[in-house]
C-alpha atoms as a PDB file:
ATOM      1  CA  UNK A   1      12.068  23.333  40.576  1.00  0.00           C
ATOM      2  CA  UNK A   2       9.386  22.302  43.051  1.00  0.00           C
ATOM      3  CA  UNK A   3       6.636  23.443  40.679  1.00  0.00           C
ATOM      4  CA  UNK A   4       8.158  21.568  37.735  1.00  0.00           C
ATOM      5  CA  UNK A   5       8.596  18.427  39.853  1.00  0.00           C
ATOM      6  CA  UNK A   6       4.853  18.699  40.771  1.00  0.00           C
ATOM      7  CA  UNK A   7       3.999  18.924  37.046  1.00  0.00           C
ATOM      8  CA  UNK A   8       6.051  15.867  36.224  1.00  0.00           C
ATOM      9  CA  UNK A   9       4.540  13.905  39.138  1.00  0.00           C
ATOM     10  CA  UNK A  10       1.013  14.944  38.215  1.00  0.00           C
ATOM     11  CA  UNK A  11       1.545  13.901  34.591  1.00  0.00           C
ATOM     12  CA  UNK A  12       3.015  10.585  35.719  1.00  0.00           C
ATOM     13  CA  UNK A  13       0.048   9.759  37.872  1.00  0.00           C
ATOM     14  CA  UNK A  14      -2.817  11.222  35.796  1.00  0.00           C
ATOM     15  CA  UNK A  15      -1.546  11.329  32.203  1.00  0.00           C
ATOM     16  CA  UNK A  16      -2.964  14.817  31.539  1.00  0.00           C
ATOM     17  CA  UNK A  17      -3.452  18.025  33.511  1.00  0.00           C
ATOM     18  CA  UNK A  18      -6.595  20.134  33.337  1.00  0.00           C
ATOM     19  CA  UNK A  19      -5.202  23.649  33.038  1.00  0.00           C
ATOM     20  CA  UNK A  20      -7.444  24.742  35.910  1.00  0.00           C
ATOM     21  CA  UNK A  21      -5.384  22.533  38.157  1.00  0.00           C
ATOM     22  CA  UNK A  22      -2.423  24.853  37.816  1.00  0.00           C
ATOM     23  CA  UNK A  23      -4.315  27.404  39.936  1.00  0.00           C
ATOM     24  CA  UNK A  24      -5.238  24.910  42.625  1.00  0.00           C
ATOM     25  CA  UNK A  25      -3.423  22.961  45.335  1.00  0.00           C
ATOM     26  CA  UNK A  26      -0.778  21.559  45.244  1.00  0.00           C
ATOM     27  CA  UNK A  27       0.452  23.930  42.502  1.00  0.00           C
ATOM     28  CA  UNK A  28      -0.941  27.037  44.251  1.00  0.00           C
ATOM     29  CA  UNK A  29       0.715  26.016  47.531  1.00  0.00           C
ATOM     30  CA  UNK A  30       4.178  26.907  46.250  1.00  0.00           C
ATOM     31  CA  UNK A  31       3.506  30.645  46.040  1.00  0.00           C
ATOM     32  CA  UNK A  32       0.660  32.640  47.584  1.00  0.00           C
ATOM     33  CA  UNK A  33       0.368  34.657  44.334  1.00  0.00           C
ATOM     34  CA  UNK A  34      -0.073  31.556  42.201  1.00  0.00           C
ATOM     35  CA  UNK A  35       1.646  30.574  39.005  1.00  0.00           C
ATOM     36  CA  UNK A  36       1.481  34.029  37.418  1.00  0.00           C
ATOM     37  CA  UNK A  37       3.286  35.771  40.314  1.00  0.00           C
ATOM     38  CA  UNK A  38       5.698  32.855  40.655  1.00  0.00           C
ATOM     39  CA  UNK A  39       6.823  32.824  37.025  1.00  0.00           C
ATOM     40  CA  UNK A  40       5.434  36.062  35.434  1.00  0.00           C
ATOM     41  CA  UNK A  41       2.903  36.232  32.613  1.00  0.00           C
ATOM     42  CA  UNK A  42       5.195  35.255  29.730  1.00  0.00           C
ATOM     43  CA  UNK A  43       6.595  32.174  31.348  1.00  0.00           C
ATOM     44  CA  UNK A  44       3.161  31.168  32.642  1.00  0.00           C
ATOM     45  CA  UNK A  45       1.915  31.245  29.054  1.00  0.00           C
ATOM     46  CA  UNK A  46       4.802  29.070  27.942  1.00  0.00           C
ATOM     47  CA  UNK A  47       4.082  26.585  30.727  1.00  0.00           C
ATOM     48  CA  UNK A  48       0.378  26.568  29.727  1.00  0.00           C
ATOM     49  CA  UNK A  49       1.278  25.993  26.082  1.00  0.00           C
ATOM     50  CA  UNK A  50       3.619  23.169  27.012  1.00  0.00           C
ATOM     51  CA  UNK A  51       0.981  21.522  29.261  1.00  0.00           C
ATOM     52  CA  UNK A  52      -1.544  21.787  26.409  1.00  0.00           C
ATOM     53  CA  UNK A  53       0.918  20.235  23.952  1.00  0.00           C
ATOM     54  CA  UNK A  54       1.657  17.316  26.288  1.00  0.00           C
ATOM     55  CA  UNK A  55      -2.070  16.866  26.928  1.00  0.00           C
ATOM     56  CA  UNK A  56      -2.727  16.805  23.185  1.00  0.00           C
ATOM     57  CA  UNK A  57       0.055  14.282  22.602  1.00  0.00           C
ATOM     58  CA  UNK A  58      -1.401  11.996  25.278  1.00  0.00           C
ATOM     59  CA  UNK A  59      -4.933  12.244  23.984  1.00  0.00           C
ATOM     60  CA  UNK A  60      -4.139  11.603  20.331  1.00  0.00           C
ATOM     61  CA  UNK A  61      -1.553   8.916  20.969  1.00  0.00           C
END
């Protein structure tokens, strides 16, 4: 939940998220192994795809 809340907050403030940010603080502060170890590869890819979709919607809107 903490990770998802960070995503929502980041989107609210910045509008889009550079995917590289998901491997940096504050996102990397939640788990020492980063997003992949926190969620696993499959879920990480789903999160990435969702972030990309939101980014695309914000850019084209």
